[in-house]
Amino acid sequence: TMYLQMNGLKPEDTAVYYCAAIRSFLIK
């Protein structure tokens, strides 16, 4: 499981958040 701890949230953070995965050694 991957987590995103979001603190100090702002209105501009409003969005649909998507989890994505890839079999890659680099973060794309």
mmCIF file of all heavy atoms, coordinates in Angstrom:
data_MODEL
# 
_entry.id   MODEL 
# 
loop_
_atom_site.group_PDB 
_atom_site.id 
_atom_site.type_symbol 
_atom_site.label_atom_id 
_atom_site.label_alt_id 
_atom_site.label_comp_id 
_atom_site.label_asym_id 
_atom_site.label_entity_id 
_atom_site.label_seq_id 
_atom_site.pdbx_PDB_ins_code 
_atom_site.Cartn_x 
_atom_site.Cartn_y 
_atom_site.Cartn_z 
_atom_site.occupancy 
_atom_site.B_iso_or_equiv 
_atom_site.pdbx_formal_charge 
_atom_site.auth_seq_id 
_atom_site.auth_comp_id 
_atom_site.auth_asym_id 
_atom_site.auth_atom_id 
_atom_site.pdbx_PDB_model_num 
ATOM 1   N N   . THR A 1 1  ? 0.830   -1.193 0.000   1.00 0.00 ? 1  THR A N   1 
ATOM 2   C CA  . THR A 1 1  ? 0.000   0.000  0.000   1.00 0.00 ? 1  THR A CA  1 
ATOM 3   C C   . THR A 1 1  ? 0.870   1.250  0.000   1.00 0.00 ? 1  THR A C   1 
ATOM 4   O O   . THR A 1 1  ? 1.873   1.318  0.716   1.00 0.00 ? 1  THR A O   1 
ATOM 5   C CB  . THR A 1 1  ? -0.930  0.019  1.218   1.00 0.00 ? 1  THR A CB  1 
ATOM 6   O OG1 . THR A 1 1  ? -1.765  -1.137 1.185   1.00 0.00 ? 1  THR A OG1 1 
ATOM 7   C CG2 . THR A 1 1  ? -1.803  1.261  1.224   1.00 0.00 ? 1  THR A CG2 1 
ATOM 8   N N   . MET A 1 2  ? 0.460   2.215  -0.799  1.00 0.00 ? 2  MET A N   1 
ATOM 9   C CA  . MET A 1 2  ? 1.112   3.511  -0.874  1.00 0.00 ? 2  MET A CA  1 
ATOM 10  C C   . MET A 1 2  ? 0.206   4.549  -0.234  1.00 0.00 ? 2  MET A C   1 
ATOM 11  O O   . MET A 1 2  ? -1.018  4.486  -0.369  1.00 0.00 ? 2  MET A O   1 
ATOM 12  C CB  . MET A 1 2  ? 1.380   3.874  -2.336  1.00 0.00 ? 2  MET A CB  1 
ATOM 13  C CG  . MET A 1 2  ? 1.879   5.288  -2.565  1.00 0.00 ? 2  MET A CG  1 
ATOM 14  S SD  . MET A 1 2  ? 2.029   5.685  -4.336  1.00 0.00 ? 2  MET A SD  1 
ATOM 15  C CE  . MET A 1 2  ? 0.310   5.649  -4.849  1.00 0.00 ? 2  MET A CE  1 
ATOM 16  N N   . TYR A 1 3  ? 0.806   5.520  0.432   1.00 0.00 ? 3  TYR A N   1 
ATOM 17  C CA  . TYR A 1 3  ? 0.063   6.542  1.137   1.00 0.00 ? 3  TYR A CA  1 
ATOM 18  C C   . TYR A 1 3  ? 0.520   7.929  0.707   1.00 0.00 ? 3  TYR A C   1 
ATOM 19  O O   . TYR A 1 3  ? 1.682   8.136  0.355   1.00 0.00 ? 3  TYR A O   1 
ATOM 20  C CB  . TYR A 1 3  ? 0.252   6.421  2.646   1.00 0.00 ? 3  TYR A CB  1 
ATOM 21  C CG  . TYR A 1 3  ? -0.100  5.071  3.205   1.00 0.00 ? 3  TYR A CG  1 
ATOM 22  C CD1 . TYR A 1 3  ? 0.853   4.063  3.279   1.00 0.00 ? 3  TYR A CD1 1 
ATOM 23  C CD2 . TYR A 1 3  ? -1.384  4.799  3.661   1.00 0.00 ? 3  TYR A CD2 1 
ATOM 24  C CE1 . TYR A 1 3  ? 0.540   2.824  3.796   1.00 0.00 ? 3  TYR A CE1 1 
ATOM 25  C CE2 . TYR A 1 3  ? -1.707  3.565  4.179   1.00 0.00 ? 3  TYR A CE2 1 
ATOM 26  C CZ  . TYR A 1 3  ? -0.746  2.580  4.248   1.00 0.00 ? 3  TYR A CZ  1 
ATOM 27  O OH  . TYR A 1 3  ? -1.063  1.346  4.764   1.00 0.00 ? 3  TYR A OH  1 
ATOM 28  N N   . LEU A 1 4  ? -0.398  8.863  0.774   1.00 0.00 ? 4  LEU A N   1 
ATOM 29  C CA  . LEU A 1 4  ? -0.082  10.267 0.590   1.00 0.00 ? 4  LEU A CA  1 
ATOM 30  C C   . LEU A 1 4  ? -0.645  11.026 1.771   1.00 0.00 ? 4  LEU A C   1 
ATOM 31  O O   . LEU A 1 4  ? -1.864  11.177 1.887   1.00 0.00 ? 4  LEU A O   1 
ATOM 32  C CB  . LEU A 1 4  ? -0.660  10.806 -0.723  1.00 0.00 ? 4  LEU A CB  1 
ATOM 33  C CG  . LEU A 1 4  ? -0.293  12.249 -1.065  1.00 0.00 ? 4  LEU A CG  1 
ATOM 34  C CD1 . LEU A 1 4  ? 1.208   12.366 -1.365  1.00 0.00 ? 4  LEU A CD1 1 
ATOM 35  C CD2 . LEU A 1 4  ? -1.107  12.746 -2.255  1.00 0.00 ? 4  LEU A CD2 1 
ATOM 36  N N   . GLN A 1 5  ? 0.239   11.468 2.654   1.00 0.00 ? 5  GLN A N   1 
ATOM 37  C CA  . GLN A 1 5  ? -0.159  12.274 3.797   1.00 0.00 ? 5  GLN A CA  1 
ATOM 38  C C   . GLN A 1 5  ? -0.192  13.728 3.359   1.00 0.00 ? 5  GLN A C   1 
ATOM 39  O O   . GLN A 1 5  ? 0.832   14.280 2.965   1.00 0.00 ? 5  GLN A O   1 
ATOM 40  C CB  . GLN A 1 5  ? 0.807   12.085 4.960   1.00 0.00 ? 5  GLN A CB  1 
ATOM 41  C CG  . GLN A 1 5  ? 0.528   12.968 6.168   1.00 0.00 ? 5  GLN A CG  1 
ATOM 42  C CD  . GLN A 1 5  ? -0.793  12.648 6.827   1.00 0.00 ? 5  GLN A CD  1 
ATOM 43  O OE1 . GLN A 1 5  ? -1.084  11.479 7.078   1.00 0.00 ? 5  GLN A OE1 1 
ATOM 44  N NE2 . GLN A 1 5  ? -1.591  13.658 7.100   1.00 0.00 ? 5  GLN A NE2 1 
ATOM 45  N N   . MET A 1 6  ? -1.355  14.328 3.433   1.00 0.00 ? 6  MET A N   1 
ATOM 46  C CA  . MET A 1 6  ? -1.566  15.685 2.968   1.00 0.00 ? 6  MET A CA  1 
ATOM 47  C C   . MET A 1 6  ? -1.879  16.567 4.165   1.00 0.00 ? 6  MET A C   1 
ATOM 48  O O   . MET A 1 6  ? -2.903  16.388 4.828   1.00 0.00 ? 6  MET A O   1 
ATOM 49  C CB  . MET A 1 6  ? -2.697  15.744 1.941   1.00 0.00 ? 6  MET A CB  1 
ATOM 50  C CG  . MET A 1 6  ? -2.497  14.814 0.757   1.00 0.00 ? 6  MET A CG  1 
ATOM 51  S SD  . MET A 1 6  ? -3.779  15.000 -0.515  1.00 0.00 ? 6  MET A SD  1 
ATOM 52  C CE  . MET A 1 6  ? -5.207  14.403 0.402   1.00 0.00 ? 6  MET A CE  1 
ATOM 53  N N   . ASN A 1 7  ? -0.997  17.507 4.432   1.00 0.00 ? 7  ASN A N   1 
ATOM 54  C CA  . ASN A 1 7  ? -1.170  18.459 5.518   1.00 0.00 ? 7  ASN A CA  1 
ATOM 55  C C   . ASN A 1 7  ? -1.299  19.862 4.954   1.00 0.00 ? 7  ASN A C   1 
ATOM 56  O O   . ASN A 1 7  ? -0.870  20.136 3.836   1.00 0.00 ? 7  ASN A O   1 
ATOM 57  C CB  . ASN A 1 7  ? 0.017   18.398 6.483   1.00 0.00 ? 7  ASN A CB  1 
ATOM 58  C CG  . ASN A 1 7  ? 0.186   17.052 7.125   1.00 0.00 ? 7  ASN A CG  1 
ATOM 59  O OD1 . ASN A 1 7  ? -0.785  16.417 7.530   1.00 0.00 ? 7  ASN A OD1 1 
ATOM 60  N ND2 . ASN A 1 7  ? 1.433   16.607 7.249   1.00 0.00 ? 7  ASN A ND2 1 
ATOM 61  N N   . GLY A 1 8  ? -1.866  20.740 5.749   1.00 0.00 ? 8  GLY A N   1 
ATOM 62  C CA  . GLY A 1 8  ? -2.017  22.124 5.317   1.00 0.00 ? 8  GLY A CA  1 
ATOM 63  C C   . GLY A 1 8  ? -2.748  22.255 3.999   1.00 0.00 ? 8  GLY A C   1 
ATOM 64  O O   . GLY A 1 8  ? -2.331  23.015 3.125   1.00 0.00 ? 8  GLY A O   1 
ATOM 65  N N   . LEU A 1 9  ? -3.829  21.527 3.856   1.00 0.00 ? 9  LEU A N   1 
ATOM 66  C CA  . LEU A 1 9  ? -4.551  21.498 2.585   1.00 0.00 ? 9  LEU A CA  1 
ATOM 67  C C   . LEU A 1 9  ? -5.093  22.873 2.219   1.00 0.00 ? 9  LEU A C   1 
ATOM 68  O O   . LEU A 1 9  ? -5.530  23.636 3.081   1.00 0.00 ? 9  LEU A O   1 
ATOM 69  C CB  . LEU A 1 9  ? -5.670  20.481 2.637   1.00 0.00 ? 9  LEU A CB  1 
ATOM 70  C CG  . LEU A 1 9  ? -5.199  19.029 2.522   1.00 0.00 ? 9  LEU A CG  1 
ATOM 71  C CD1 . LEU A 1 9  ? -6.289  18.074 2.987   1.00 0.00 ? 9  LEU A CD1 1 
ATOM 72  C CD2 . LEU A 1 9  ? -4.800  18.722 1.086   1.00 0.00 ? 9  LEU A CD2 1 
ATOM 73  N N   . LYS A 1 10 ? -5.067  23.153 0.929   1.00 0.00 ? 10 LYS A N   1 
ATOM 74  C CA  . LYS A 1 10 ? -5.534  24.405 0.370   1.00 0.00 ? 10 LYS A CA  1 
ATOM 75  C C   . LYS A 1 10 ? -6.661  24.137 -0.615  1.00 0.00 ? 10 LYS A C   1 
ATOM 76  O O   . LYS A 1 10 ? -6.739  23.046 -1.173  1.00 0.00 ? 10 LYS A O   1 
ATOM 77  C CB  . LYS A 1 10 ? -4.392  25.133 -0.338  1.00 0.00 ? 10 LYS A CB  1 
ATOM 78  C CG  . LYS A 1 10 ? -3.170  25.396 0.520   1.00 0.00 ? 10 LYS A CG  1 
ATOM 79  C CD  . LYS A 1 10 ? -2.049  26.003 -0.304  1.00 0.00 ? 10 LYS A CD  1 
ATOM 80  C CE  . LYS A 1 10 ? -0.819  26.256 0.539   1.00 0.00 ? 10 LYS A CE  1 
ATOM 81  N NZ  . LYS A 1 10 ? 0.289   26.835 -0.275  1.00 0.00 ? 10 LYS A NZ  1 
ATOM 82  N N   . PRO A 1 11 ? -7.520  25.123 -0.861  1.00 0.00 ? 11 PRO A N   1 
ATOM 83  C CA  . PRO A 1 11 ? -8.576  24.916 -1.853  1.00 0.00 ? 11 PRO A CA  1 
ATOM 84  C C   . PRO A 1 11 ? -8.050  24.476 -3.210  1.00 0.00 ? 11 PRO A C   1 
ATOM 85  O O   . PRO A 1 11 ? -8.724  23.703 -3.902  1.00 0.00 ? 11 PRO A O   1 
ATOM 86  C CB  . PRO A 1 11 ? -9.257  26.287 -1.925  1.00 0.00 ? 11 PRO A CB  1 
ATOM 87  C CG  . PRO A 1 11 ? -9.054  26.863 -0.565  1.00 0.00 ? 11 PRO A CG  1 
ATOM 88  C CD  . PRO A 1 11 ? -7.682  26.410 -0.150  1.00 0.00 ? 11 PRO A CD  1 
ATOM 89  N N   . GLU A 1 12 ? -6.879  24.942 -3.600  1.00 0.00 ? 12 GLU A N   1 
ATOM 90  C CA  . GLU A 1 12 ? -6.321  24.548 -4.879  1.00 0.00 ? 12 GLU A CA  1 
ATOM 91  C C   . GLU A 1 12 ? -5.884  23.088 -4.935  1.00 0.00 ? 12 GLU A C   1 
ATOM 92  O O   . GLU A 1 12 ? -5.538  22.587 -6.004  1.00 0.00 ? 12 GLU A O   1 
ATOM 93  C CB  . GLU A 1 12 ? -5.150  25.455 -5.280  1.00 0.00 ? 12 GLU A CB  1 
ATOM 94  C CG  . GLU A 1 12 ? -4.083  25.586 -4.208  1.00 0.00 ? 12 GLU A CG  1 
ATOM 95  C CD  . GLU A 1 12 ? -4.237  26.848 -3.383  1.00 0.00 ? 12 GLU A CD  1 
ATOM 96  O OE1 . GLU A 1 12 ? -5.378  27.172 -2.999  1.00 0.00 ? 12 GLU A OE1 1 
ATOM 97  O OE2 . GLU A 1 12 ? -3.214  27.520 -3.127  1.00 0.00 ? 12 GLU A OE2 1 
ATOM 98  N N   . ASP A 1 13 ? -5.881  22.406 -3.793  1.00 0.00 ? 13 ASP A N   1 
ATOM 99  C CA  . ASP A 1 13 ? -5.622  20.975 -3.777  1.00 0.00 ? 13 ASP A CA  1 
ATOM 100 C C   . ASP A 1 13 ? -6.851  20.164 -4.153  1.00 0.00 ? 13 ASP A C   1 
ATOM 101 O O   . ASP A 1 13 ? -6.753  18.942 -4.315  1.00 0.00 ? 13 ASP A O   1 
ATOM 102 C CB  . ASP A 1 13 ? -5.130  20.528 -2.401  1.00 0.00 ? 13 ASP A CB  1 
ATOM 103 C CG  . ASP A 1 13 ? -3.794  21.139 -2.026  1.00 0.00 ? 13 ASP A CG  1 
ATOM 104 O OD1 . ASP A 1 13 ? -2.898  21.195 -2.896  1.00 0.00 ? 13 ASP A OD1 1 
ATOM 105 O OD2 . ASP A 1 13 ? -3.642  21.558 -0.864  1.00 0.00 ? 13 ASP A OD2 1 
ATOM 106 N N   . THR A 1 14 ? -7.990  20.812 -4.255  1.00 0.00 ? 14 THR A N   1 
ATOM 107 C CA  . THR A 1 14 ? -9.221  20.129 -4.629  1.00 0.00 ? 14 THR A CA  1 
ATOM 108 C C   . THR A 1 14 ? -9.070  19.498 -6.009  1.00 0.00 ? 14 THR A C   1 
ATOM 109 O O   . THR A 1 14 ? -8.716  20.170 -6.982  1.00 0.00 ? 14 THR A O   1 
ATOM 110 C CB  . THR A 1 14 ? -10.403 21.097 -4.627  1.00 0.00 ? 14 THR A CB  1 
ATOM 111 O OG1 . THR A 1 14 ? -10.640 21.551 -3.291  1.00 0.00 ? 14 THR A OG1 1 
ATOM 112 C CG2 . THR A 1 14 ? -11.661 20.421 -5.152  1.00 0.00 ? 14 THR A CG2 1 
ATOM 113 N N   . ALA A 1 15 ? -9.324  18.212 -6.094  1.00 0.00 ? 15 ALA A N   1 
ATOM 114 C CA  . ALA A 1 15 ? -9.167  17.478 -7.341  1.00 0.00 ? 15 ALA A CA  1 
ATOM 115 C C   . ALA A 1 15 ? -9.596  16.035 -7.114  1.00 0.00 ? 15 ALA A C   1 
ATOM 116 O O   . ALA A 1 15 ? -9.828  15.607 -5.982  1.00 0.00 ? 15 ALA A O   1 
ATOM 117 C CB  . ALA A 1 15 ? -7.715  17.526 -7.830  1.00 0.00 ? 15 ALA A CB  1 
ATOM 118 N N   . VAL A 1 16 ? -9.676  15.309 -8.213  1.00 0.00 ? 16 VAL A N   1 
ATOM 119 C CA  . VAL A 1 16 ? -9.740  13.856 -8.139  1.00 0.00 ? 16 VAL A CA  1 
ATOM 120 C C   . VAL A 1 16 ? -8.315  13.341 -8.133  1.00 0.00 ? 16 VAL A C   1 
ATOM 121 O O   . VAL A 1 16 ? -7.522  13.673 -9.019  1.00 0.00 ? 16 VAL A O   1 
ATOM 122 C CB  . VAL A 1 16 ? -10.529 13.258 -9.308  1.00 0.00 ? 16 VAL A CB  1 
ATOM 123 C CG1 . VAL A 1 16 ? -10.499 11.732 -9.246  1.00 0.00 ? 16 VAL A CG1 1 
ATOM 124 C CG2 . VAL A 1 16 ? -11.970 13.753 -9.285  1.00 0.00 ? 16 VAL A CG2 1 
ATOM 125 N N   . TYR A 1 17 ? -7.997  12.542 -7.149  1.00 0.00 ? 17 TYR A N   1 
ATOM 126 C CA  . TYR A 1 17 ? -6.664  11.978 -7.012  1.00 0.00 ? 17 TYR A CA  1 
ATOM 127 C C   . TYR A 1 17 ? -6.668  10.537 -7.500  1.00 0.00 ? 17 TYR A C   1 
ATOM 128 O O   . TYR A 1 17 ? -7.528  9.737  -7.118  1.00 0.00 ? 17 TYR A O   1 
ATOM 129 C CB  . TYR A 1 17 ? -6.198  12.047 -5.558  1.00 0.00 ? 17 TYR A CB  1 
ATOM 130 C CG  . TYR A 1 17 ? -5.791  13.434 -5.138  1.00 0.00 ? 17 TYR A CG  1 
ATOM 131 C CD1 . TYR A 1 17 ? -6.743  14.433 -4.978  1.00 0.00 ? 17 TYR A CD1 1 
ATOM 132 C CD2 . TYR A 1 17 ? -4.451  13.751 -4.920  1.00 0.00 ? 17 TYR A CD2 1 
ATOM 133 C CE1 . TYR A 1 17 ? -6.377  15.714 -4.612  1.00 0.00 ? 17 TYR A CE1 1 
ATOM 134 C CE2 . TYR A 1 17 ? -4.077  15.028 -4.545  1.00 0.00 ? 17 TYR A CE2 1 
ATOM 135 C CZ  . TYR A 1 17 ? -5.041  16.007 -4.391  1.00 0.00 ? 17 TYR A CZ  1 
ATOM 136 O OH  . TYR A 1 17 ? -4.664  17.276 -4.021  1.00 0.00 ? 17 TYR A OH  1 
ATOM 137 N N   . TYR A 1 18 ? -5.683  10.217 -8.329  1.00 0.00 ? 18 TYR A N   1 
ATOM 138 C CA  . TYR A 1 18 ? -5.582  8.896  -8.931  1.00 0.00 ? 18 TYR A CA  1 
ATOM 139 C C   . TYR A 1 18 ? -4.294  8.209  -8.508  1.00 0.00 ? 18 TYR A C   1 
ATOM 140 O O   . TYR A 1 18 ? -3.219  8.810  -8.569  1.00 0.00 ? 18 TYR A O   1 
ATOM 141 C CB  . TYR A 1 18 ? -5.598  8.981  -10.454 1.00 0.00 ? 18 TYR A CB  1 
ATOM 142 C CG  . TYR A 1 18 ? -6.886  9.487  -11.049 1.00 0.00 ? 18 TYR A CG  1 
ATOM 143 C CD1 . TYR A 1 18 ? -7.086  10.845 -11.259 1.00 0.00 ? 18 TYR A CD1 1 
ATOM 144 C CD2 . TYR A 1 18 ? -7.897  8.604  -11.406 1.00 0.00 ? 18 TYR A CD2 1 
ATOM 145 C CE1 . TYR A 1 18 ? -8.265  11.312 -11.811 1.00 0.00 ? 18 TYR A CE1 1 
ATOM 146 C CE2 . TYR A 1 18 ? -9.074  9.063  -11.959 1.00 0.00 ? 18 TYR A CE2 1 
ATOM 147 C CZ  . TYR A 1 18 ? -9.251  10.419 -12.161 1.00 0.00 ? 18 TYR A CZ  1 
ATOM 148 O OH  . TYR A 1 18 ? -10.422 10.879 -12.715 1.00 0.00 ? 18 TYR A OH  1 
ATOM 149 N N   . CYS A 1 19 ? -4.415  6.976  -8.126  1.00 0.00 ? 19 CYS A N   1 
ATOM 150 C CA  . CYS A 1 19 ? -3.265  6.120  -7.911  1.00 0.00 ? 19 CYS A CA  1 
ATOM 151 C C   . CYS A 1 19 ? -2.886  5.475  -9.236  1.00 0.00 ? 19 CYS A C   1 
ATOM 152 O O   . CYS A 1 19 ? -3.758  5.038  -9.997  1.00 0.00 ? 19 CYS A O   1 
ATOM 153 C CB  . CYS A 1 19 ? -3.599  5.050  -6.876  1.00 0.00 ? 19 CYS A CB  1 
ATOM 154 S SG  . CYS A 1 19 ? -2.302  3.832  -6.591  1.00 0.00 ? 19 CYS A SG  1 
ATOM 155 N N   . ALA A 1 20 ? -1.600  5.427  -9.523  1.00 0.00 ? 20 ALA A N   1 
ATOM 156 C CA  . ALA A 1 20 ? -1.113  4.827  -10.754 1.00 0.00 ? 20 ALA A CA  1 
ATOM 157 C C   . ALA A 1 20 ? 0.141   4.020  -10.469 1.00 0.00 ? 20 ALA A C   1 
ATOM 158 O O   . ALA A 1 20 ? 0.896   4.333  -9.539  1.00 0.00 ? 20 ALA A O   1 
ATOM 159 C CB  . ALA A 1 20 ? -0.819  5.898  -11.801 1.00 0.00 ? 20 ALA A CB  1 
ATOM 160 N N   . ALA A 1 21 ? 0.368   3.000  -11.280 1.00 0.00 ? 21 ALA A N   1 
ATOM 161 C CA  . ALA A 1 21 ? 1.511   2.123  -11.076 1.00 0.00 ? 21 ALA A CA  1 
ATOM 162 C C   . ALA A 1 21 ? 2.110   1.709  -12.405 1.00 0.00 ? 21 ALA A C   1 
ATOM 163 O O   . ALA A 1 21 ? 1.418   1.643  -13.428 1.00 0.00 ? 21 ALA A O   1 
ATOM 164 C CB  . ALA A 1 21 ? 1.103   0.888  -10.274 1.00 0.00 ? 21 ALA A CB  1 
ATOM 165 N N   . ILE A 1 22 ? 3.401   1.422  -12.368 1.00 0.00 ? 22 ILE A N   1 
ATOM 166 C CA  . ILE A 1 22 ? 4.110   0.998  -13.562 1.00 0.00 ? 22 ILE A CA  1 
ATOM 167 C C   . ILE A 1 22 ? 5.294   0.139  -13.159 1.00 0.00 ? 22 ILE A C   1 
ATOM 168 O O   . ILE A 1 22 ? 5.884   0.342  -12.096 1.00 0.00 ? 22 ILE A O   1 
ATOM 169 C CB  . ILE A 1 22 ? 4.569   2.221  -14.392 1.00 0.00 ? 22 ILE A CB  1 
ATOM 170 C CG1 . ILE A 1 22 ? 5.131   1.789  -15.736 1.00 0.00 ? 22 ILE A CG1 1 
ATOM 171 C CG2 . ILE A 1 22 ? 5.578   3.056  -13.607 1.00 0.00 ? 22 ILE A CG2 1 
ATOM 172 C CD1 . ILE A 1 22 ? 5.413   2.954  -16.668 1.00 0.00 ? 22 ILE A CD1 1 
ATOM 173 N N   . ARG A 1 23 ? 5.630   -0.803 -13.994 1.00 0.00 ? 23 ARG A N   1 
ATOM 174 C CA  . ARG A 1 23 ? 6.814   -1.625 -13.781 1.00 0.00 ? 23 ARG A CA  1 
ATOM 175 C C   . ARG A 1 23 ? 8.007   -0.910 -14.408 1.00 0.00 ? 23 ARG A C   1 
ATOM 176 O O   . ARG A 1 23 ? 8.491   -1.280 -15.476 1.00 0.00 ? 23 ARG A O   1 
ATOM 177 C CB  . ARG A 1 23 ? 6.608   -3.018 -14.347 1.00 0.00 ? 23 ARG A CB  1 
ATOM 178 C CG  . ARG A 1 23 ? 5.471   -3.788 -13.682 1.00 0.00 ? 23 ARG A CG  1 
ATOM 179 C CD  . ARG A 1 23 ? 5.391   -5.209 -14.180 1.00 0.00 ? 23 ARG A CD  1 
ATOM 180 N NE  . ARG A 1 23 ? 4.284   -5.923 -13.567 1.00 0.00 ? 23 ARG A NE  1 
ATOM 181 C CZ  . ARG A 1 23 ? 3.084   -6.055 -14.113 1.00 0.00 ? 23 ARG A CZ  1 
ATOM 182 N NH1 . ARG A 1 23 ? 2.840   -5.546 -15.311 1.00 0.00 ? 23 ARG A NH1 1 
ATOM 183 N NH2 . ARG A 1 23 ? 2.126   -6.713 -13.470 1.00 0.00 ? 23 ARG A NH2 1 
ATOM 184 N N   . SER A 1 24 ? 8.450   0.117  -13.724 1.00 0.00 ? 24 SER A N   1 
ATOM 185 C CA  . SER A 1 24 ? 9.556   0.953  -14.165 1.00 0.00 ? 24 SER A CA  1 
ATOM 186 C C   . SER A 1 24 ? 10.443  1.255  -12.978 1.00 0.00 ? 24 SER A C   1 
ATOM 187 O O   . SER A 1 24 ? 9.963   1.426  -11.856 1.00 0.00 ? 24 SER A O   1 
ATOM 188 C CB  . SER A 1 24 ? 9.039   2.256  -14.786 1.00 0.00 ? 24 SER A CB  1 
ATOM 189 O OG  . SER A 1 24 ? 10.090  3.164  -15.011 1.00 0.00 ? 24 SER A OG  1 
ATOM 190 N N   . PHE A 1 25 ? 11.736  1.345  -13.226 1.00 0.00 ? 25 PHE A N   1 
ATOM 191 C CA  . PHE A 1 25 ? 12.672  1.676  -12.168 1.00 0.00 ? 25 PHE A CA  1 
ATOM 192 C C   . PHE A 1 25 ? 12.758  3.166  -11.901 1.00 0.00 ? 25 PHE A C   1 
ATOM 193 O O   . PHE A 1 25 ? 13.390  3.581  -10.935 1.00 0.00 ? 25 PHE A O   1 
ATOM 194 C CB  . PHE A 1 25 ? 14.059  1.131  -12.512 1.00 0.00 ? 25 PHE A CB  1 
ATOM 195 C CG  . PHE A 1 25 ? 14.142  -0.354 -12.501 1.00 0.00 ? 25 PHE A CG  1 
ATOM 196 C CD1 . PHE A 1 25 ? 14.165  -1.069 -13.689 1.00 0.00 ? 25 PHE A CD1 1 
ATOM 197 C CD2 . PHE A 1 25 ? 14.190  -1.049 -11.312 1.00 0.00 ? 25 PHE A CD2 1 
ATOM 198 C CE1 . PHE A 1 25 ? 14.237  -2.448 -13.688 1.00 0.00 ? 25 PHE A CE1 1 
ATOM 199 C CE2 . PHE A 1 25 ? 14.262  -2.435 -11.292 1.00 0.00 ? 25 PHE A CE2 1 
ATOM 200 C CZ  . PHE A 1 25 ? 14.284  -3.131 -12.475 1.00 0.00 ? 25 PHE A CZ  1 
ATOM 201 N N   . LEU A 1 26 ? 12.140  3.967  -12.738 1.00 0.00 ? 26 LEU A N   1 
ATOM 202 C CA  . LEU A 1 26 ? 12.122  5.409  -12.575 1.00 0.00 ? 26 LEU A CA  1 
ATOM 203 C C   . LEU A 1 26 ? 10.704  5.899  -12.382 1.00 0.00 ? 26 LEU A C   1 
ATOM 204 O O   . LEU A 1 26 ? 9.753   5.321  -12.919 1.00 0.00 ? 26 LEU A O   1 
ATOM 205 C CB  . LEU A 1 26 ? 12.743  6.103  -13.793 1.00 0.00 ? 26 LEU A CB  1 
ATOM 206 C CG  . LEU A 1 26 ? 14.198  5.777  -14.104 1.00 0.00 ? 26 LEU A CG  1 
ATOM 207 C CD1 . LEU A 1 26 ? 14.620  6.461  -15.395 1.00 0.00 ? 26 LEU A CD1 1 
ATOM 208 C CD2 . LEU A 1 26 ? 15.105  6.194  -12.953 1.00 0.00 ? 26 LEU A CD2 1 
ATOM 209 N N   . ILE A 1 27 ? 10.569  6.970  -11.616 1.00 0.00 ? 27 ILE A N   1 
ATOM 210 C CA  . ILE A 1 27 ? 9.268   7.592  -11.423 1.00 0.00 ? 27 ILE A CA  1 
ATOM 211 C C   . ILE A 1 27 ? 8.960   8.428  -12.650 1.00 0.00 ? 27 ILE A C   1 
ATOM 212 O O   . ILE A 1 27 ? 9.627   9.420  -12.928 1.00 0.00 ? 27 ILE A O   1 
ATOM 213 C CB  . ILE A 1 27 ? 9.255   8.452  -10.151 1.00 0.00 ? 27 ILE A CB  1 
ATOM 214 C CG1 . ILE A 1 27 ? 9.542   7.591  -8.921  1.00 0.00 ? 27 ILE A CG1 1 
ATOM 215 C CG2 . ILE A 1 27 ? 7.907   9.159  -10.004 1.00 0.00 ? 27 ILE A CG2 1 
ATOM 216 C CD1 . ILE A 1 27 ? 9.738   8.380  -7.645  1.00 0.00 ? 27 ILE A CD1 1 
ATOM 217 N N   . LYS A 1 28 ? 7.943   8.030  -13.381 1.00 0.00 ? 28 LYS A N   1 
ATOM 218 C CA  . LYS A 1 28 ? 7.562   8.719  -14.606 1.00 0.00 ? 28 LYS A CA  1 
ATOM 219 C C   . LYS A 1 28 ? 6.628   9.875  -14.290 1.00 0.00 ? 28 LYS A C   1 
ATOM 220 O O   . LYS A 1 28 ? 5.829   9.813  -13.352 1.00 0.00 ? 28 LYS A O   1 
ATOM 221 C CB  . LYS A 1 28 ? 6.887   7.752  -15.573 1.00 0.00 ? 28 LYS A CB  1 
ATOM 222 C CG  . LYS A 1 28 ? 7.731   6.543  -15.945 1.00 0.00 ? 28 LYS A CG  1 
ATOM 223 C CD  . LYS A 1 28 ? 8.942   6.940  -16.757 1.00 0.00 ? 28 LYS A CD  1 
ATOM 224 C CE  . LYS A 1 28 ? 9.688   5.710  -17.257 1.00 0.00 ? 28 LYS A CE  1 
ATOM 225 N NZ  . LYS A 1 28 ? 10.869  6.086  -18.068 1.00 0.00 ? 28 LYS A NZ  1 
# 
